[in-house]
Amino acid sequence: MSNVFEFVAEHRNGAGKSEARRIRRAGGVPAIIYGHGEPQMLSLSHNEVLKHLSHDEVYSAVLNVTVDGKTEKAILKGVQRHPAKPRVIHLDFLRVAN
């Protein structure tokens, strides 16, 4: 059985600690997608991220990251988690060149 994981994200304009905190307080996860083009700062839903991260395959599979209707292939490069709470702090995606 082949699982295709799709992360639906929104483009975010702001950068820095205060913007990341604002996203986390609103129930989101700040993220970045980089490599093979310009880096983009993203915002994802925390509940959707937790649902995807519960599968072990997501850490080694090629993922679909949809940003404002445009789908890109990427791998999950890094996950930062809160040390004491079940919260995801930040995600790093690396684009896959076609």
C-alpha atoms as a PDB file:
ATOM      1  CA  MET A   1       0.000   0.000   0.000  1.00  0.00           C
ATOM      2  CA  SER A   2       1.425   3.334  -1.025  1.00  0.00           C
ATOM      3  CA  ASN A   3       0.708   6.327   1.179  1.00  0.00           C
ATOM      4  CA  VAL A   4       0.925   9.777  -0.334  1.00  0.00           C
ATOM      5  CA  PHE A   5       1.169  12.409   2.348  1.00  0.00           C
ATOM      6  CA  GLU A   6      -0.056  15.874   1.440  1.00  0.00           C
ATOM      7  CA  PHE A   7       0.682  18.864   3.640  1.00  0.00           C
ATOM      8  CA  VAL A   8      -1.575  21.834   2.903  1.00  0.00           C
ATOM      9  CA  ALA A   9       0.149  25.104   3.756  1.00  0.00           C
ATOM     10  CA  GLU A  10      -0.344  28.824   3.401  1.00  0.00           C
ATOM     11  CA  HIS A  11       2.341  31.283   2.378  1.00  0.00           C
ATOM     12  CA  ARG A  12       3.332  33.671   5.168  1.00  0.00           C
ATOM     13  CA  ASN A  13       4.974  37.043   4.685  1.00  0.00           C
ATOM     14  CA  GLY A  14       6.357  37.791   8.127  1.00  0.00           C
ATOM     15  CA  ALA A  15       9.588  36.376   9.494  1.00  0.00           C
ATOM     16  CA  GLY A  16      11.129  36.215  12.913  1.00  0.00           C
ATOM     17  CA  LYS A  17      10.309  35.137  16.414  1.00  0.00           C
ATOM     18  CA  SER A  18       7.221  37.308  16.916  1.00  0.00           C
ATOM     19  CA  GLU A  19       5.601  36.085  13.695  1.00  0.00           C
ATOM     20  CA  ALA A  20       6.326  32.448  14.591  1.00  0.00           C
ATOM     21  CA  ARG A  21       4.811  32.931  18.043  1.00  0.00           C
ATOM     22  CA  ARG A  22       1.706  34.504  16.520  1.00  0.00           C
ATOM     23  CA  ILE A  23       1.246  31.488  14.246  1.00  0.00           C
ATOM     24  CA  ARG A  24       1.719  29.025  17.122  1.00  0.00           C
ATOM     25  CA  ARG A  25      -0.785  30.860  19.334  1.00  0.00           C
ATOM     26  CA  ALA A  26      -3.322  30.689  16.498  1.00  0.00           C
ATOM     27  CA  GLY A  27      -2.962  26.877  16.358  1.00  0.00           C
ATOM     28  CA  GLY A  28      -0.488  26.684  13.497  1.00  0.00           C
ATOM     29  CA  VAL A  29       3.032  25.490  12.833  1.00  0.00           C
ATOM     30  CA  PRO A  30       5.579  27.757  11.123  1.00  0.00           C
ATOM     31  CA  ALA A  31       7.592  26.012   8.420  1.00  0.00           C
ATOM     32  CA  ILE A  32       9.989  26.641   5.556  1.00  0.00           C
ATOM     33  CA  ILE A  33      10.506  24.939   2.221  1.00  0.00           C
ATOM     34  CA  TYR A  34      13.897  25.452   0.571  1.00  0.00           C
ATOM     35  CA  GLY A  35      16.211  24.040  -2.062  1.00  0.00           C
ATOM     36  CA  HIS A  36      15.933  24.130  -5.882  1.00  0.00           C
ATOM     37  CA  GLY A  37      14.467  27.620  -6.012  1.00  0.00           C
ATOM     38  CA  GLU A  38      13.587  30.399  -3.651  1.00  0.00           C
ATOM     39  CA  PRO A  39      12.840  29.521  -0.029  1.00  0.00           C
ATOM     40  CA  GLN A  40       9.253  30.061   1.083  1.00  0.00           C
ATOM     41  CA  MET A  41       7.993  30.577   4.610  1.00  0.00           C
ATOM     42  CA  LEU A  42       4.842  28.591   5.342  1.00  0.00           C
ATOM     43  CA  SER A  43       2.164  28.114   7.952  1.00  0.00           C
ATOM     44  CA  LEU A  44       0.463  24.740   8.514  1.00  0.00           C
ATOM     45  CA  SER A  45      -2.358  23.497  10.727  1.00  0.00           C
ATOM     46  CA  HIS A  46      -0.989  21.885  13.908  1.00  0.00           C
ATOM     47  CA  ASN A  47      -3.670  19.185  14.016  1.00  0.00           C
ATOM     48  CA  GLU A  48      -2.980  18.129  10.422  1.00  0.00           C
ATOM     49  CA  VAL A  49       0.767  18.047  11.082  1.00  0.00           C
ATOM     50  CA  LEU A  50       0.309  15.808  14.131  1.00  0.00           C
ATOM     51  CA  LYS A  51      -1.934  13.491  12.127  1.00  0.00           C
ATOM     52  CA  HIS A  52       0.713  13.107   9.406  1.00  0.00           C
ATOM     53  CA  LEU A  53       3.649  12.777  11.823  1.00  0.00           C
ATOM     54  CA  SER A  54       1.963   9.847  13.572  1.00  0.00           C
ATOM     55  CA  HIS A  55       2.867   7.693  10.537  1.00  0.00           C
ATOM     56  CA  ASP A  56       6.466   6.480  10.423  1.00  0.00           C
ATOM     57  CA  GLU A  57       6.556   6.582   6.606  1.00  0.00           C
ATOM     58  CA  VAL A  58       6.305  10.372   6.499  1.00  0.00           C
ATOM     59  CA  TYR A  59       9.908  10.740   7.714  1.00  0.00           C
ATOM     60  CA  SER A  60      11.377   8.932   4.701  1.00  0.00           C
ATOM     61  CA  ALA A  61       8.832   9.465   1.907  1.00  0.00           C
ATOM     62  CA  VAL A  62       8.553  12.082  -0.803  1.00  0.00           C
ATOM     63  CA  LEU A  63       5.701  14.349   0.287  1.00  0.00           C
ATOM     64  CA  ASN A  64       3.326  16.637  -1.543  1.00  0.00           C
ATOM     65  CA  VAL A  65       3.366  20.161  -0.118  1.00  0.00           C
ATOM     66  CA  THR A  66       0.517  22.294  -1.459  1.00  0.00           C
ATOM     67  CA  VAL A  67       1.109  26.020  -1.059  1.00  0.00           C
ATOM     68  CA  ASP A  68      -1.816  28.219  -2.103  1.00  0.00           C
ATOM     69  CA  GLY A  69      -2.984  25.679  -4.711  1.00  0.00           C
ATOM     70  CA  LYS A  70       0.451  24.829  -6.153  1.00  0.00           C
ATOM     71  CA  THR A  71       1.818  21.364  -5.321  1.00  0.00           C
ATOM     72  CA  GLU A  72       5.539  20.716  -4.874  1.00  0.00           C
ATOM     73  CA  LYS A  73       7.427  17.528  -4.035  1.00  0.00           C
ATOM     74  CA  ALA A  74       9.555  17.670  -0.886  1.00  0.00           C
ATOM     75  CA  ILE A  75      11.030  15.591   1.905  1.00  0.00           C
ATOM     76  CA  LEU A  76      10.770  16.331   5.587  1.00  0.00           C
ATOM     77  CA  LYS A  77      14.227  17.554   6.573  1.00  0.00           C
ATOM     78  CA  GLY A  78      13.687  18.622  10.171  1.00  0.00           C
ATOM     79  CA  VAL A  79      11.081  18.602  12.931  1.00  0.00           C
ATOM     80  CA  GLN A  80      11.419  20.709  16.067  1.00  0.00           C
ATOM     81  CA  ARG A  81       9.253  19.659  19.008  1.00  0.00           C
ATOM     82  CA  HIS A  82       8.533  21.221  22.385  1.00  0.00           C
ATOM     83  CA  PRO A  83      10.605  19.423  25.060  1.00  0.00           C
ATOM     84  CA  ALA A  84       7.748  18.914  27.544  1.00  0.00           C
ATOM     85  CA  LYS A  85       4.492  19.319  25.608  1.00  0.00           C
ATOM     86  CA  PRO A  86       3.111  17.374  22.647  1.00  0.00           C
ATOM     87  CA  ARG A  87       3.620  20.357  20.312  1.00  0.00           C
ATOM     88  CA  VAL A  88       5.447  20.737  17.021  1.00  0.00           C
ATOM     89  CA  ILE A  89       7.428  23.990  16.996  1.00  0.00           C
ATOM     90  CA  HIS A  90       8.771  24.149  13.414  1.00  0.00           C
ATOM     91  CA  LEU A  91       9.097  22.069  10.223  1.00  0.00           C
ATOM     92  CA  ASP A  92      11.752  22.155   7.494  1.00  0.00           C
ATOM     93  CA  PHE A  93      10.979  20.796   4.028  1.00  0.00           C
ATOM     94  CA  LEU A  94      13.563  20.212   1.281  1.00  0.00           C
ATOM     95  CA  ARG A  95      12.307  20.461  -2.300  1.00  0.00           C
ATOM     96  CA  VAL A  96      12.900  17.549  -4.641  1.00  0.00           C
ATOM     97  CA  ALA A  97      13.987  18.543  -8.151  1.00  0.00           C
ATOM     98  CA  ASN A  98      12.052  16.778 -10.908  1.00  0.00           C
END
